Protein backbone atom coordinates (compact mmCIF):
# COMPACT_ATOMS: atom_id res chain seq x y z
CA MET A 1 20.00 -5.41 -15.15
CA ASN A 2 17.48 -8.18 -14.57
CA GLY A 3 13.73 -8.02 -14.06
CA MET A 4 13.88 -8.48 -10.27
CA ALA A 5 16.37 -5.64 -9.94
CA VAL A 6 14.11 -3.35 -11.97
CA LEU A 7 11.10 -4.38 -9.90
CA GLN A 8 12.95 -3.74 -6.63
CA GLN A 9 14.13 -0.32 -7.86
CA GLY A 10 10.57 0.56 -8.77
CA LEU A 11 9.36 -0.52 -5.35
CA GLU A 12 12.03 1.52 -3.57
CA TRP A 13 10.97 4.59 -5.58
CA ALA A 14 7.32 3.94 -4.72
CA TYR A 15 8.22 3.72 -1.02
CA GLU A 16 10.31 6.89 -1.23
CA LEU A 17 7.48 8.85 -2.84
CA LEU A 18 4.88 7.54 -0.39
CA ASP A 19 7.12 8.42 2.56
CA THR A 20 7.86 11.88 1.19
CA VAL A 21 4.23 12.70 0.41
CA THR A 22 2.92 11.44 3.77
CA ALA A 23 5.78 12.64 6.01
CA ASP A 24 4.16 15.94 6.96
CA VAL A 25 0.50 14.87 6.89
CA THR A 26 -1.27 15.92 10.08
CA HIS A 27 -4.09 14.09 11.80
CA GLU A 28 -6.50 16.75 10.55
CA GLN A 29 -5.31 16.50 6.94
CA ALA A 30 -5.42 12.70 7.05
CA HIS A 31 -9.03 12.66 8.25
CA TRP A 32 -10.33 15.55 6.11
CA LEU A 33 -13.36 14.38 4.13
CA PRO A 34 -13.09 15.58 0.55
CA PRO A 35 -16.23 16.49 -1.37
CA GLY A 36 -17.97 14.06 -3.67
CA GLN A 37 -16.92 10.43 -3.70
CA ALA A 38 -13.20 10.90 -3.08
CA ASN A 39 -11.54 8.98 -0.27
CA PRO A 40 -9.66 10.77 2.52
CA ILE A 41 -5.89 10.55 2.90
CA ASN A 42 -6.01 8.21 5.89
CA ALA A 43 -8.03 5.62 3.97
CA LEU A 44 -5.74 5.79 0.95
CA TYR A 45 -2.61 5.46 3.06
CA VAL A 46 -4.10 2.51 4.96
CA HIS A 47 -5.26 0.91 1.70
CA ALA A 48 -1.78 1.18 0.19
CA VAL A 49 -0.06 -0.49 3.14
CA LEU A 50 -2.71 -3.07 4.09
CA GLY A 51 -3.02 -3.91 0.40
CA GLU A 52 0.71 -4.59 0.28
CA ASP A 53 0.46 -6.70 3.44
CA ALA A 54 -2.49 -8.68 2.05
CA LEU A 55 -0.75 -9.23 -1.31
CA ARG A 56 2.45 -10.42 0.34
CA GLY A 57 0.38 -12.73 2.51
CA LEU A 58 -1.45 -14.11 -0.51
CA LEU A 59 1.69 -14.64 -2.57
CA SER A 60 3.68 -16.19 0.28
CA GLN A 61 0.70 -18.16 1.61
CA ALA A 62 1.08 -16.47 4.99
CA THR A 63 -1.29 -14.53 7.20
CA PRO A 64 -0.92 -10.78 6.69
CA LEU A 65 0.77 -8.97 9.56
CA TYR A 66 -2.39 -6.96 10.32
CA ALA A 67 -4.15 -10.27 11.12
CA SER A 68 -1.22 -11.92 12.93
CA SER A 69 1.77 -10.37 14.74
CA TRP A 70 0.45 -6.80 14.29
CA GLN A 71 -3.20 -7.56 15.03
CA GLY A 72 -4.60 -4.75 17.17
CA LYS A 73 -1.35 -2.76 16.86
CA THR A 74 -1.56 -1.20 13.36
CA GLY A 75 -2.99 2.15 14.46
CA VAL A 76 -6.02 1.55 12.21
CA SER A 77 -9.46 1.50 13.81
CA ASP A 78 -10.81 -1.12 11.37
CA PRO A 79 -7.99 -2.77 9.39
CA GLN A 80 -9.09 -4.12 6.03
CA TRP A 81 -7.41 -3.97 2.66
CA GLN A 82 -10.53 -3.49 0.56
CA LEU A 83 -11.57 0.11 0.00
CA SER A 84 -15.24 1.07 0.22
CA LEU A 85 -16.53 4.62 0.55
CA ALA A 86 -18.34 3.83 3.81
CA TRP A 87 -15.18 2.35 5.35
CA ALA A 88 -12.98 5.14 3.96
CA ARG A 89 -15.13 7.82 5.57
CA SER A 90 -15.24 6.11 8.97
CA VAL A 91 -11.77 4.63 9.50
CA GLN A 92 -9.55 6.36 12.04
CA LEU A 93 -5.76 6.34 11.92
CA ASP A 94 -3.03 6.90 14.49
CA LEU A 95 -0.29 8.08 12.12
CA PRO A 96 2.83 7.44 14.28
CA VAL A 97 1.71 3.91 15.18
CA PHE A 98 0.68 3.19 11.59
CA ARG A 99 4.07 4.29 10.26
CA GLU A 100 5.72 1.64 12.47
CA TYR A 101 3.37 -1.00 11.09
CA ALA A 102 4.04 0.23 7.53
CA GLN A 103 7.77 -0.27 8.11
CA ALA A 104 7.14 -3.82 9.35
CA VAL A 105 5.11 -4.54 6.19
CA ARG A 106 7.89 -3.12 4.05
CA THR A 107 10.46 -5.30 5.79
CA ALA A 108 8.28 -8.40 5.30
CA THR A 109 7.77 -7.58 1.62
CA GLN A 110 11.48 -7.10 1.06
CA ALA A 111 12.19 -10.43 2.79
CA PHE A 112 9.63 -12.11 0.52
CA LEU A 113 11.18 -10.57 -2.61
CA ALA A 114 14.85 -11.15 -1.69
CA PRO A 115 15.15 -14.79 -2.85
CA LEU A 116 13.08 -14.33 -6.02
CA THR A 117 14.75 -14.54 -9.41
CA ASP A 118 13.64 -13.60 -12.90
CA GLU A 119 12.46 -17.17 -13.37
CA HIS A 120 9.94 -16.70 -10.55
CA LEU A 121 8.40 -13.69 -12.32
CA GLY A 122 6.92 -15.93 -14.99
CA GLN A 123 5.14 -18.17 -12.44
CA THR A 124 1.41 -18.30 -13.22
CA LEU A 125 -0.96 -17.19 -10.48
CA ASP A 126 -4.68 -17.84 -10.23
CA LEU A 127 -6.11 -14.47 -9.26
CA THR A 128 -9.67 -15.22 -10.31
CA GLY A 129 -10.77 -14.82 -6.68
CA LEU A 130 -9.76 -11.16 -7.01
CA GLY A 131 -11.43 -10.83 -10.41
CA LEU A 132 -8.07 -10.66 -12.18
CA GLY A 133 -7.96 -14.03 -13.91
CA SER A 134 -4.71 -15.82 -14.53
CA ARG A 135 -1.61 -13.61 -14.36
CA ASN A 136 2.07 -14.10 -13.75
CA LEU A 137 3.97 -13.09 -10.62
CA GLY A 138 5.81 -10.31 -12.45
CA TRP A 139 2.51 -8.70 -13.43
CA ALA A 140 1.13 -9.06 -9.88
CA LEU A 141 4.18 -7.44 -8.29
CA ASN A 142 4.32 -4.65 -10.85
CA ALA A 143 0.60 -3.83 -10.94
CA LEU A 144 -0.65 -4.77 -7.47
CA LEU A 145 2.39 -3.70 -5.47
CA VAL A 146 4.50 -1.04 -7.18
CA GLY A 147 1.73 0.45 -9.33
CA HIS A 148 -0.78 0.37 -6.50
CA ILE A 149 1.48 2.22 -4.07
CA ASN A 150 2.18 4.81 -6.77
CA ASN A 151 -1.54 5.20 -7.49
CA MET A 152 -2.39 5.77 -3.82
CA THR A 153 0.51 8.21 -3.47
CA GLY A 154 -0.82 10.25 -6.39
CA GLU A 155 -4.28 10.43 -4.84
CA ILE A 156 -2.80 11.46 -1.48
CA SER A 157 -0.72 14.13 -3.23
CA THR A 158 -3.84 15.53 -4.88
CA LEU A 159 -5.77 15.61 -1.60
CA LYS A 160 -2.92 17.47 0.06
CA GLY A 161 -3.05 20.01 -2.76
CA LEU A 162 -6.80 20.43 -2.29
CA GLN A 163 -6.05 21.27 1.33
CA GLY A 164 -3.51 23.91 0.34
CA THR A 165 -0.30 21.99 0.99
CA GLN A 166 2.29 20.47 -1.32
CA GLY A 167 1.85 16.85 -2.32
CA TYR A 168 4.64 15.62 -4.55
CA PRO A 169 7.99 17.25 -3.76
CA PHE A 170 8.57 18.33 -7.37
C-alpha cells in the first residue's frame, strides 16, 4: 500500500467518525455553552469543515467553497475557519444546511486528492503564514486535514458526554 492510499483511508475513517459522532446532535446540544473556556459543538464542527475547505483552497490555490459557490449557503452565521472563543460562543449553525455544505467540501477535497501520488507528498510547502514553517504536503494532509478532523471529533464526543449522551460509538 502506498502513502496516498494510507492517507485516503485515514481521511475516510476521520469522516466516518465525524459523521457518526455528529449524526444525532440536536440544535440545543450543538449550541450548548460548556463551562470554562471550552468551545461548543457547533463551533468545533464548523471549524473542522471550514478548516478543511480553507486548507484545500490553500493547497489547490482556489477560493474555499464558503467564500465562493457556497457563500451565504453554508448554514453558518459567520463562516470563518479560525477558532476564537468569542466567535465560538456567538456563531449559529443550521445543522441540516451545514451537513450539505460539509458534503460539498468533502467532495471537493476528494477531487483534489484523487490525482495525487506519493511523489506529491514530498512537495515542500511554505506554511510560515500559518506559523508552521516549511513542511511537506504529506505532513500538511496528515496533520491539518486527517488529524484535525479527528481532534475536533474527539472534542465533540467529549461535549456530548458532558451533556449526557454518547459521543464515540464504542
